[in-house]
N, C-alpha and C. Protein backbone atom coordinates (compact mmCIF):
# COMPACT_ATOMS: atom_id res chain seq x y z
N PRO A 1 34.12 -0.71 20.39
CA PRO A 1 32.71 -0.93 20.05
C PRO A 1 32.57 -1.46 18.62
N GLU A 2 31.52 -2.23 18.43
CA GLU A 2 31.25 -2.80 17.11
C GLU A 2 30.80 -1.70 16.16
N PRO A 3 31.35 -1.66 14.94
CA PRO A 3 30.91 -0.64 13.98
C PRO A 3 29.45 -0.84 13.60
N ASP A 4 28.80 0.24 13.28
CA ASP A 4 27.39 0.19 12.90
C ASP A 4 27.26 -0.53 11.56
N ARG A 5 26.55 -1.68 11.56
CA ARG A 5 26.39 -2.45 10.33
C ARG A 5 25.46 -1.76 9.36
N PHE A 6 24.56 -0.92 9.85
CA PHE A 6 23.58 -0.26 9.01
C PHE A 6 23.58 1.23 9.32
N PRO A 7 24.60 1.95 8.85
CA PRO A 7 24.65 3.37 9.15
C PRO A 7 23.45 4.11 8.55
N TYR A 8 22.98 5.12 9.26
CA TYR A 8 21.82 5.88 8.81
C TYR A 8 22.18 6.78 7.63
N SER A 9 21.32 6.80 6.66
CA SER A 9 21.40 7.78 5.58
C SER A 9 19.98 7.92 5.03
N PRO A 10 19.62 9.12 4.63
CA PRO A 10 18.26 9.31 4.11
C PRO A 10 18.07 8.52 2.80
N LEU A 11 16.83 8.13 2.57
CA LEU A 11 16.52 7.42 1.33
C LEU A 11 16.64 8.36 0.14
N PRO A 12 17.11 7.85 -0.98
CA PRO A 12 17.15 8.68 -2.19
C PRO A 12 15.73 8.96 -2.69
N GLU A 13 15.63 9.86 -3.63
CA GLU A 13 14.31 10.21 -4.17
C GLU A 13 13.59 8.98 -4.73
N ARG A 14 14.31 8.13 -5.40
CA ARG A 14 13.75 6.87 -5.92
C ARG A 14 14.56 5.72 -5.32
N PRO A 15 14.14 5.21 -4.15
CA PRO A 15 14.94 4.19 -3.48
C PRO A 15 14.99 2.88 -4.25
N ARG A 16 16.06 2.15 -4.00
CA ARG A 16 16.24 0.81 -4.55
C ARG A 16 15.73 -0.17 -3.50
N LEU A 17 14.62 -0.82 -3.79
CA LEU A 17 14.01 -1.76 -2.84
C LEU A 17 14.24 -3.19 -3.30
N GLY A 18 14.89 -3.95 -2.47
CA GLY A 18 15.09 -5.36 -2.76
C GLY A 18 13.81 -6.13 -2.55
N ILE A 19 13.49 -6.99 -3.49
CA ILE A 19 12.33 -7.86 -3.37
C ILE A 19 12.80 -9.29 -3.65
N PRO A 20 12.14 -10.29 -3.08
CA PRO A 20 12.56 -11.67 -3.33
C PRO A 20 12.38 -12.05 -4.80
N LYS A 21 13.43 -12.65 -5.36
CA LYS A 21 13.35 -13.16 -6.74
C LYS A 21 12.36 -14.32 -6.80
N ASP A 22 12.40 -15.17 -5.79
CA ASP A 22 11.49 -16.31 -5.70
C ASP A 22 10.71 -16.18 -4.40
N THR A 23 9.40 -16.16 -4.53
CA THR A 23 8.54 -15.99 -3.36
C THR A 23 7.62 -17.19 -3.23
N PRO A 24 7.84 -18.03 -2.21
CA PRO A 24 6.95 -19.18 -2.04
C PRO A 24 5.59 -18.75 -1.51
N TRP A 25 4.55 -19.23 -2.13
CA TRP A 25 3.18 -18.90 -1.69
C TRP A 25 2.46 -20.12 -1.14
N PHE A 26 3.05 -21.29 -1.24
CA PHE A 26 2.48 -22.52 -0.69
C PHE A 26 1.03 -22.71 -1.15
N GLY A 27 0.79 -22.38 -2.41
CA GLY A 27 -0.52 -22.61 -3.00
C GLY A 27 -1.53 -21.49 -2.82
N ASP A 28 -1.17 -20.42 -2.13
CA ASP A 28 -2.12 -19.33 -1.88
C ASP A 28 -2.02 -18.29 -3.01
N GLN A 29 -2.80 -18.51 -4.05
CA GLN A 29 -2.74 -17.63 -5.22
C GLN A 29 -3.31 -16.24 -4.94
N ARG A 30 -4.24 -16.14 -4.00
CA ARG A 30 -4.77 -14.82 -3.66
C ARG A 30 -3.70 -13.97 -2.98
N ALA A 31 -2.88 -14.58 -2.14
CA ALA A 31 -1.77 -13.85 -1.52
C ALA A 31 -0.77 -13.43 -2.58
N ALA A 32 -0.48 -14.31 -3.53
CA ALA A 32 0.45 -14.00 -4.62
C ALA A 32 -0.07 -12.83 -5.45
N ALA A 33 -1.36 -12.82 -5.75
CA ALA A 33 -1.95 -11.74 -6.54
C ALA A 33 -1.90 -10.42 -5.77
N ALA A 34 -2.17 -10.45 -4.47
CA ALA A 34 -2.11 -9.23 -3.66
C ALA A 34 -0.68 -8.68 -3.63
N TRP A 35 0.30 -9.57 -3.53
CA TRP A 35 1.71 -9.17 -3.54
C TRP A 35 2.06 -8.52 -4.88
N GLN A 36 1.62 -9.11 -5.96
CA GLN A 36 1.91 -8.56 -7.29
C GLN A 36 1.32 -7.17 -7.44
N ARG A 37 0.10 -6.96 -6.97
CA ARG A 37 -0.50 -5.62 -7.02
C ARG A 37 0.31 -4.63 -6.19
N HIS A 38 0.77 -5.08 -5.04
CA HIS A 38 1.58 -4.22 -4.16
C HIS A 38 2.89 -3.83 -4.86
N LEU A 39 3.52 -4.79 -5.53
CA LEU A 39 4.77 -4.49 -6.25
C LEU A 39 4.53 -3.49 -7.37
N GLU A 40 3.41 -3.60 -8.05
CA GLU A 40 3.09 -2.64 -9.12
C GLU A 40 2.96 -1.23 -8.55
N GLU A 41 2.37 -1.10 -7.38
CA GLU A 41 2.25 0.22 -6.75
C GLU A 41 3.62 0.73 -6.30
N LEU A 42 4.43 -0.15 -5.72
CA LEU A 42 5.77 0.25 -5.29
C LEU A 42 6.65 0.68 -6.46
N ALA A 43 6.47 0.03 -7.60
CA ALA A 43 7.29 0.34 -8.78
C ALA A 43 7.08 1.78 -9.25
N GLU A 44 5.99 2.38 -8.86
CA GLU A 44 5.74 3.78 -9.24
C GLU A 44 6.62 4.75 -8.46
N ILE A 45 7.11 4.34 -7.30
CA ILE A 45 7.90 5.26 -6.46
C ILE A 45 9.31 4.76 -6.18
N ALA A 46 9.62 3.52 -6.58
CA ALA A 46 10.92 2.95 -6.26
C ALA A 46 11.39 2.02 -7.37
N GLU A 47 12.69 1.80 -7.40
CA GLU A 47 13.26 0.80 -8.30
C GLU A 47 13.24 -0.53 -7.56
N LEU A 48 12.60 -1.53 -8.12
CA LEU A 48 12.51 -2.84 -7.49
C LEU A 48 13.63 -3.73 -8.00
N ILE A 49 14.42 -4.26 -7.08
CA ILE A 49 15.58 -5.07 -7.42
C ILE A 49 15.33 -6.50 -6.95
N PRO A 50 15.09 -7.44 -7.87
CA PRO A 50 14.91 -8.84 -7.46
C PRO A 50 16.22 -9.39 -6.87
N LEU A 51 16.11 -10.01 -5.72
CA LEU A 51 17.29 -10.55 -5.03
C LEU A 51 17.11 -12.03 -4.74
N ASP A 52 18.21 -12.74 -4.74
CA ASP A 52 18.21 -14.13 -4.29
C ASP A 52 18.24 -14.07 -2.76
N THR A 53 17.12 -14.37 -2.12
CA THR A 53 17.00 -14.24 -0.67
C THR A 53 17.19 -15.58 0.04
N GLY A 54 17.87 -16.50 -0.62
CA GLY A 54 18.12 -17.81 -0.02
C GLY A 54 18.81 -17.71 1.33
N VAL A 55 19.72 -16.76 1.48
CA VAL A 55 20.42 -16.61 2.76
C VAL A 55 19.44 -16.26 3.88
N LEU A 56 18.39 -15.54 3.57
CA LEU A 56 17.39 -15.19 4.59
C LEU A 56 16.59 -16.41 4.99
N ARG A 57 16.25 -17.24 4.01
CA ARG A 57 15.50 -18.47 4.32
C ARG A 57 16.38 -19.45 5.10
N GLU A 58 17.68 -19.52 4.75
CA GLU A 58 18.60 -20.37 5.51
C GLU A 58 18.66 -19.93 6.97
N THR A 59 18.72 -18.63 7.17
CA THR A 59 18.77 -18.09 8.53
C THR A 59 17.49 -18.40 9.27
N ALA A 60 16.35 -18.24 8.62
CA ALA A 60 15.06 -18.50 9.26
C ALA A 60 14.97 -19.93 9.78
N GLU A 61 15.55 -20.86 9.04
CA GLU A 61 15.51 -22.26 9.45
C GLU A 61 16.24 -22.50 10.77
N LEU A 62 17.24 -21.69 11.06
CA LEU A 62 17.99 -21.86 12.31
C LEU A 62 17.13 -21.62 13.54
N LEU A 63 16.11 -20.81 13.41
CA LEU A 63 15.34 -20.41 14.58
C LEU A 63 14.70 -21.59 15.28
N TYR A 64 14.14 -22.53 14.54
CA TYR A 64 13.48 -23.68 15.15
C TYR A 64 14.19 -25.00 14.87
N GLN A 65 15.09 -25.02 13.91
CA GLN A 65 15.79 -26.26 13.59
C GLN A 65 17.23 -26.22 14.04
N GLY A 66 17.57 -25.24 14.85
CA GLY A 66 18.92 -25.11 15.38
C GLY A 66 18.86 -24.96 16.89
N PRO A 67 19.99 -24.71 17.51
CA PRO A 67 20.05 -24.68 18.97
C PRO A 67 19.38 -23.47 19.61
N TRP A 68 18.82 -22.56 18.82
CA TRP A 68 18.08 -21.46 19.43
C TRP A 68 16.84 -21.97 20.14
N VAL A 69 16.41 -23.16 19.80
CA VAL A 69 15.29 -23.76 20.51
C VAL A 69 15.70 -24.08 21.96
N ALA A 70 17.00 -24.18 22.21
CA ALA A 70 17.48 -24.43 23.58
C ALA A 70 17.13 -23.26 24.50
N GLU A 71 17.06 -22.07 23.96
CA GLU A 71 16.65 -20.92 24.78
C GLU A 71 15.22 -21.15 25.29
N ARG A 72 14.36 -21.63 24.41
CA ARG A 72 12.98 -21.93 24.83
C ARG A 72 12.97 -23.07 25.85
N TYR A 73 13.86 -24.01 25.66
CA TYR A 73 13.96 -25.14 26.59
C TYR A 73 14.29 -24.65 27.99
N THR A 74 15.23 -23.72 28.12
CA THR A 74 15.62 -23.24 29.45
C THR A 74 14.45 -22.61 30.18
N VAL A 75 13.55 -21.99 29.44
CA VAL A 75 12.39 -21.36 30.06
C VAL A 75 11.30 -22.39 30.35
N ALA A 76 11.10 -23.32 29.45
CA ALA A 76 9.99 -24.28 29.57
C ALA A 76 10.36 -25.54 30.35
N GLU A 77 11.63 -25.73 30.67
CA GLU A 77 12.07 -26.97 31.31
C GLU A 77 11.23 -27.36 32.53
N PRO A 78 10.89 -26.45 33.42
CA PRO A 78 10.08 -26.86 34.58
C PRO A 78 8.69 -27.38 34.18
N LEU A 79 8.21 -27.00 33.01
CA LEU A 79 6.88 -27.42 32.58
C LEU A 79 6.88 -28.77 31.85
N LEU A 80 8.05 -29.23 31.44
CA LEU A 80 8.12 -30.43 30.61
C LEU A 80 7.70 -31.70 31.35
N ASP A 81 7.77 -31.70 32.67
CA ASP A 81 7.36 -32.88 33.43
C ASP A 81 5.85 -32.95 33.65
N ASP A 82 5.15 -31.85 33.40
CA ASP A 82 3.69 -31.82 33.57
C ASP A 82 3.06 -31.99 32.19
N PRO A 83 2.41 -33.13 31.93
CA PRO A 83 1.87 -33.40 30.59
C PRO A 83 0.79 -32.42 30.15
N ASP A 84 0.19 -31.70 31.09
CA ASP A 84 -0.88 -30.76 30.74
C ASP A 84 -0.40 -29.32 30.63
N ALA A 85 0.88 -29.07 30.91
CA ALA A 85 1.37 -27.69 30.96
C ALA A 85 1.62 -27.09 29.58
N LEU A 86 1.95 -27.92 28.61
CA LEU A 86 2.27 -27.44 27.26
C LEU A 86 1.48 -28.23 26.23
N LEU A 87 1.16 -27.57 25.14
CA LEU A 87 0.57 -28.30 24.02
C LEU A 87 1.58 -29.33 23.52
N PRO A 88 1.13 -30.49 23.07
CA PRO A 88 2.06 -31.51 22.58
C PRO A 88 2.99 -30.99 21.48
N VAL A 89 2.49 -30.16 20.59
CA VAL A 89 3.34 -29.66 19.51
C VAL A 89 4.47 -28.78 20.05
N ILE A 90 4.18 -28.00 21.07
CA ILE A 90 5.23 -27.16 21.69
C ILE A 90 6.26 -28.05 22.37
N ARG A 91 5.78 -29.06 23.08
CA ARG A 91 6.69 -30.01 23.74
C ARG A 91 7.59 -30.68 22.69
N ASP A 92 7.00 -31.08 21.55
CA ASP A 92 7.78 -31.75 20.49
C ASP A 92 8.84 -30.84 19.88
N ILE A 93 8.57 -29.55 19.83
CA ILE A 93 9.54 -28.60 19.28
C ILE A 93 10.68 -28.36 20.27
N ILE A 94 10.33 -28.28 21.55
CA ILE A 94 11.32 -27.91 22.57
C ILE A 94 12.18 -29.09 23.02
N LEU A 95 11.61 -30.27 23.11
CA LEU A 95 12.34 -31.42 23.68
C LEU A 95 13.66 -31.77 23.00
N PRO A 96 13.81 -31.64 21.68
CA PRO A 96 15.11 -31.96 21.09
C PRO A 96 16.27 -31.14 21.68
N ALA A 97 15.98 -30.00 22.26
CA ALA A 97 17.03 -29.18 22.86
C ALA A 97 17.68 -29.89 24.04
N ARG A 98 16.98 -30.83 24.63
CA ARG A 98 17.52 -31.59 25.77
C ARG A 98 18.82 -32.29 25.38
N ASP A 99 18.95 -32.66 24.10
CA ASP A 99 20.12 -33.40 23.64
C ASP A 99 21.15 -32.53 22.93
N MET A 100 20.96 -31.22 22.94
CA MET A 100 21.91 -30.33 22.28
C MET A 100 23.05 -29.99 23.23
N SER A 101 24.22 -29.82 22.64
CA SER A 101 25.41 -29.53 23.43
C SER A 101 25.85 -28.08 23.23
N ALA A 102 26.76 -27.67 24.06
CA ALA A 102 27.36 -26.34 23.89
C ALA A 102 28.07 -26.27 22.53
N ALA A 103 28.65 -27.38 22.11
CA ALA A 103 29.32 -27.41 20.80
C ALA A 103 28.31 -27.13 19.69
N ASP A 104 27.10 -27.68 19.82
CA ASP A 104 26.06 -27.39 18.83
C ASP A 104 25.76 -25.89 18.80
N GLY A 105 25.70 -25.29 19.96
CA GLY A 105 25.45 -23.85 20.03
C GLY A 105 26.55 -23.04 19.37
N PHE A 106 27.80 -23.40 19.60
CA PHE A 106 28.91 -22.67 18.98
C PHE A 106 28.93 -22.87 17.47
N ARG A 107 28.68 -24.11 17.02
CA ARG A 107 28.63 -24.35 15.57
C ARG A 107 27.55 -23.48 14.92
N ALA A 108 26.41 -23.41 15.57
CA ALA A 108 25.32 -22.59 15.04
C ALA A 108 25.69 -21.11 15.04
N GLN A 109 26.41 -20.66 16.06
CA GLN A 109 26.86 -19.26 16.09
C GLN A 109 27.80 -18.98 14.91
N TYR A 110 28.68 -19.92 14.60
CA TYR A 110 29.58 -19.74 13.46
C TYR A 110 28.79 -19.71 12.15
N THR A 111 27.80 -20.60 12.05
CA THR A 111 26.94 -20.60 10.86
C THR A 111 26.21 -19.28 10.74
N LEU A 112 25.66 -18.81 11.86
CA LEU A 112 24.93 -17.54 11.84
C LEU A 112 25.85 -16.38 11.46
N ALA A 113 27.08 -16.38 11.92
CA ALA A 113 28.02 -15.31 11.57
C ALA A 113 28.25 -15.29 10.06
N ASP A 114 28.38 -16.48 9.46
CA ASP A 114 28.55 -16.55 8.01
C ASP A 114 27.29 -16.05 7.30
N LEU A 115 26.13 -16.48 7.78
CA LEU A 115 24.87 -16.03 7.17
C LEU A 115 24.71 -14.52 7.32
N ARG A 116 25.11 -13.97 8.44
CA ARG A 116 25.02 -12.52 8.66
C ARG A 116 25.90 -11.76 7.65
N ARG A 117 27.11 -12.27 7.42
CA ARG A 117 27.99 -11.63 6.42
C ARG A 117 27.34 -11.66 5.04
N ARG A 118 26.76 -12.80 4.69
CA ARG A 118 26.11 -12.93 3.38
C ARG A 118 24.87 -12.04 3.30
N ALA A 119 24.11 -11.94 4.37
CA ALA A 119 22.92 -11.08 4.38
C ALA A 119 23.33 -9.61 4.28
N ASP A 120 24.42 -9.24 4.95
CA ASP A 120 24.91 -7.86 4.85
C ASP A 120 25.30 -7.52 3.42
N GLN A 121 25.94 -8.47 2.74
CA GLN A 121 26.30 -8.26 1.33
C GLN A 121 25.05 -8.09 0.48
N LEU A 122 24.04 -8.89 0.74
CA LEU A 122 22.77 -8.79 0.02
C LEU A 122 22.16 -7.41 0.22
N MET A 123 22.12 -6.96 1.46
CA MET A 123 21.49 -5.69 1.79
C MET A 123 22.30 -4.48 1.28
N ALA A 124 23.58 -4.66 1.07
CA ALA A 124 24.43 -3.55 0.60
C ALA A 124 24.02 -3.07 -0.79
N SER A 125 23.31 -3.91 -1.53
CA SER A 125 22.95 -3.56 -2.90
C SER A 125 21.62 -2.80 -2.99
N VAL A 126 20.93 -2.61 -1.86
CA VAL A 126 19.62 -1.95 -1.88
C VAL A 126 19.50 -1.00 -0.70
N ASP A 127 18.49 -0.13 -0.77
CA ASP A 127 18.23 0.79 0.33
C ASP A 127 17.37 0.15 1.42
N ALA A 128 16.53 -0.78 1.04
CA ALA A 128 15.67 -1.49 1.99
C ALA A 128 15.19 -2.77 1.32
N LEU A 129 14.69 -3.67 2.13
CA LEU A 129 14.18 -4.94 1.65
C LEU A 129 12.67 -4.94 1.87
N VAL A 130 11.92 -5.36 0.87
CA VAL A 130 10.47 -5.47 0.97
C VAL A 130 10.10 -6.93 0.72
N VAL A 131 9.46 -7.53 1.71
CA VAL A 131 9.03 -8.92 1.60
C VAL A 131 7.61 -9.02 2.11
N PRO A 132 6.88 -10.06 1.73
CA PRO A 132 5.54 -10.24 2.29
C PRO A 132 5.65 -10.50 3.80
N SER A 133 4.69 -10.06 4.56
CA SER A 133 4.69 -10.39 5.99
C SER A 133 4.47 -11.88 6.18
N THR A 134 3.55 -12.44 5.42
CA THR A 134 3.31 -13.88 5.44
C THR A 134 3.03 -14.34 4.00
N PRO A 135 3.29 -15.60 3.72
CA PRO A 135 3.02 -16.10 2.38
C PRO A 135 1.59 -16.59 2.20
N GLY A 136 0.74 -16.33 3.16
CA GLY A 136 -0.65 -16.76 3.05
C GLY A 136 -1.36 -16.60 4.37
N ILE A 137 -2.60 -17.00 4.37
CA ILE A 137 -3.44 -16.93 5.56
C ILE A 137 -4.05 -18.31 5.77
N TYR A 138 -4.06 -18.76 7.02
CA TYR A 138 -4.60 -20.07 7.34
C TYR A 138 -5.69 -19.96 8.40
N THR A 139 -6.63 -20.85 8.36
CA THR A 139 -7.66 -20.90 9.40
C THR A 139 -7.05 -21.52 10.67
N ARG A 140 -7.68 -21.28 11.78
CA ARG A 140 -7.22 -21.90 13.03
C ARG A 140 -7.28 -23.42 12.92
N ALA A 141 -8.33 -23.91 12.28
CA ALA A 141 -8.47 -25.36 12.13
C ALA A 141 -7.31 -25.93 11.33
N ALA A 142 -6.91 -25.25 10.27
CA ALA A 142 -5.78 -25.73 9.46
C ALA A 142 -4.49 -25.72 10.27
N VAL A 143 -4.27 -24.66 11.04
CA VAL A 143 -3.05 -24.58 11.87
C VAL A 143 -3.07 -25.67 12.94
N ASN A 144 -4.22 -25.91 13.55
CA ASN A 144 -4.31 -26.96 14.56
C ASN A 144 -4.04 -28.34 13.95
N ALA A 145 -4.42 -28.54 12.70
CA ALA A 145 -4.21 -29.83 12.04
C ALA A 145 -2.75 -30.06 11.66
N ASP A 146 -2.01 -29.00 11.36
CA ASP A 146 -0.61 -29.13 10.95
C ASP A 146 0.18 -27.92 11.46
N PRO A 147 0.33 -27.78 12.78
CA PRO A 147 0.89 -26.56 13.34
C PRO A 147 2.35 -26.28 12.97
N VAL A 148 3.18 -27.30 12.91
CA VAL A 148 4.59 -27.06 12.62
C VAL A 148 4.78 -26.57 11.20
N THR A 149 4.18 -27.26 10.24
CA THR A 149 4.33 -26.86 8.84
C THR A 149 3.78 -25.46 8.60
N LEU A 150 2.55 -25.22 9.04
CA LEU A 150 1.92 -23.93 8.73
C LEU A 150 2.56 -22.77 9.48
N ASN A 151 2.96 -22.98 10.73
CA ASN A 151 3.65 -21.90 11.44
C ASN A 151 5.02 -21.63 10.84
N SER A 152 5.68 -22.67 10.36
CA SER A 152 6.96 -22.47 9.66
C SER A 152 6.75 -21.65 8.40
N GLN A 153 5.69 -21.96 7.67
CA GLN A 153 5.39 -21.19 6.46
C GLN A 153 5.06 -19.74 6.81
N LEU A 154 4.29 -19.53 7.87
CA LEU A 154 3.95 -18.16 8.28
C LEU A 154 5.20 -17.35 8.63
N GLY A 155 6.23 -18.00 9.13
CA GLY A 155 7.45 -17.30 9.51
C GLY A 155 8.48 -17.18 8.39
N THR A 156 8.13 -17.60 7.19
CA THR A 156 9.07 -17.58 6.07
C THR A 156 9.78 -16.24 5.93
N TRP A 157 9.05 -15.15 6.05
CA TRP A 157 9.62 -13.82 5.81
C TRP A 157 9.84 -13.02 7.07
N THR A 158 9.74 -13.66 8.24
CA THR A 158 9.99 -12.92 9.48
C THR A 158 11.01 -13.59 10.39
N ASN A 159 11.16 -14.90 10.33
CA ASN A 159 12.01 -15.60 11.29
C ASN A 159 13.49 -15.22 11.20
N PHE A 160 13.94 -14.68 10.11
CA PHE A 160 15.35 -14.32 9.98
C PHE A 160 15.68 -12.98 10.62
N VAL A 161 14.68 -12.14 10.83
CA VAL A 161 14.93 -10.74 11.23
C VAL A 161 15.69 -10.65 12.54
N ASN A 162 15.21 -11.30 13.59
CA ASN A 162 15.88 -11.19 14.89
C ASN A 162 17.27 -11.81 14.88
N LEU A 163 17.39 -12.98 14.25
CA LEU A 163 18.70 -13.64 14.23
C LEU A 163 19.75 -12.79 13.51
N LEU A 164 19.34 -11.99 12.54
CA LEU A 164 20.28 -11.15 11.80
C LEU A 164 20.37 -9.74 12.36
N ASP A 165 19.76 -9.49 13.51
CA ASP A 165 19.77 -8.16 14.14
C ASP A 165 19.24 -7.09 13.19
N MET A 166 18.22 -7.44 12.46
CA MET A 166 17.60 -6.48 11.55
C MET A 166 16.37 -5.87 12.21
N CYS A 167 15.85 -4.86 11.58
CA CYS A 167 14.63 -4.21 12.02
C CYS A 167 13.58 -4.45 10.95
N ALA A 168 12.34 -4.61 11.36
CA ALA A 168 11.28 -4.86 10.38
C ALA A 168 10.01 -4.10 10.75
N LEU A 169 9.30 -3.71 9.74
CA LEU A 169 7.97 -3.13 9.88
C LEU A 169 7.02 -4.00 9.07
N SER A 170 5.88 -4.29 9.63
CA SER A 170 4.85 -4.99 8.88
C SER A 170 3.76 -3.97 8.54
N LEU A 171 3.66 -3.66 7.27
CA LEU A 171 2.73 -2.64 6.81
C LEU A 171 1.72 -3.25 5.84
N PRO A 172 0.48 -2.76 5.88
CA PRO A 172 -0.48 -3.28 4.90
C PRO A 172 -0.06 -2.94 3.48
N GLY A 173 -0.17 -3.90 2.60
CA GLY A 173 0.16 -3.69 1.21
C GLY A 173 -1.04 -3.88 0.31
N GLY A 174 -2.20 -3.86 0.88
CA GLY A 174 -3.41 -4.09 0.13
C GLY A 174 -4.15 -5.29 0.69
N LEU A 175 -5.32 -5.53 0.16
CA LEU A 175 -6.15 -6.62 0.62
C LEU A 175 -6.22 -7.73 -0.42
N ARG A 176 -6.43 -8.93 0.06
CA ARG A 176 -6.61 -10.06 -0.84
C ARG A 176 -8.00 -9.98 -1.46
N ASP A 177 -8.12 -10.52 -2.66
CA ASP A 177 -9.44 -10.64 -3.28
C ASP A 177 -10.23 -11.72 -2.56
N GLY A 178 -11.56 -11.52 -2.49
CA GLY A 178 -12.47 -12.53 -1.98
C GLY A 178 -12.21 -12.89 -0.59
């Protein structure tokens, strides 16, 4: 059996919480301000450790820009011949999987294994990782106007979790101003 990558141990009295050293807000200053207030509150009960979370962002990119989109293709394939069955943006995301090979899948698995090792090293230095659930909030109209970009931004801090076999909780950290 595979050894437990994250063995259980109780949190220390003052846990070491990893936080992103660089946090993209994509212009949403109210989200940035809410995050800063949340960090100030967390600093009262925990040691905050800024981390280079580039490996997490690299992993997140694999979810839609790698062969994992082929999984969606296998499910949606019967719908691709019906022009009304899927939104055009969904079709545009899924269709590139038609040209992916098994070799692409294996290469991505090797890449993911390397990213997982690097993420495990990152996590070994802290008791838990705290990241924003999203880097901002968008209106439906804005998402409809640019769905790929804005949905990618919304997944900045969540898309890596499943690929790295991590567990996540999304908890309120306060409200935005205005």
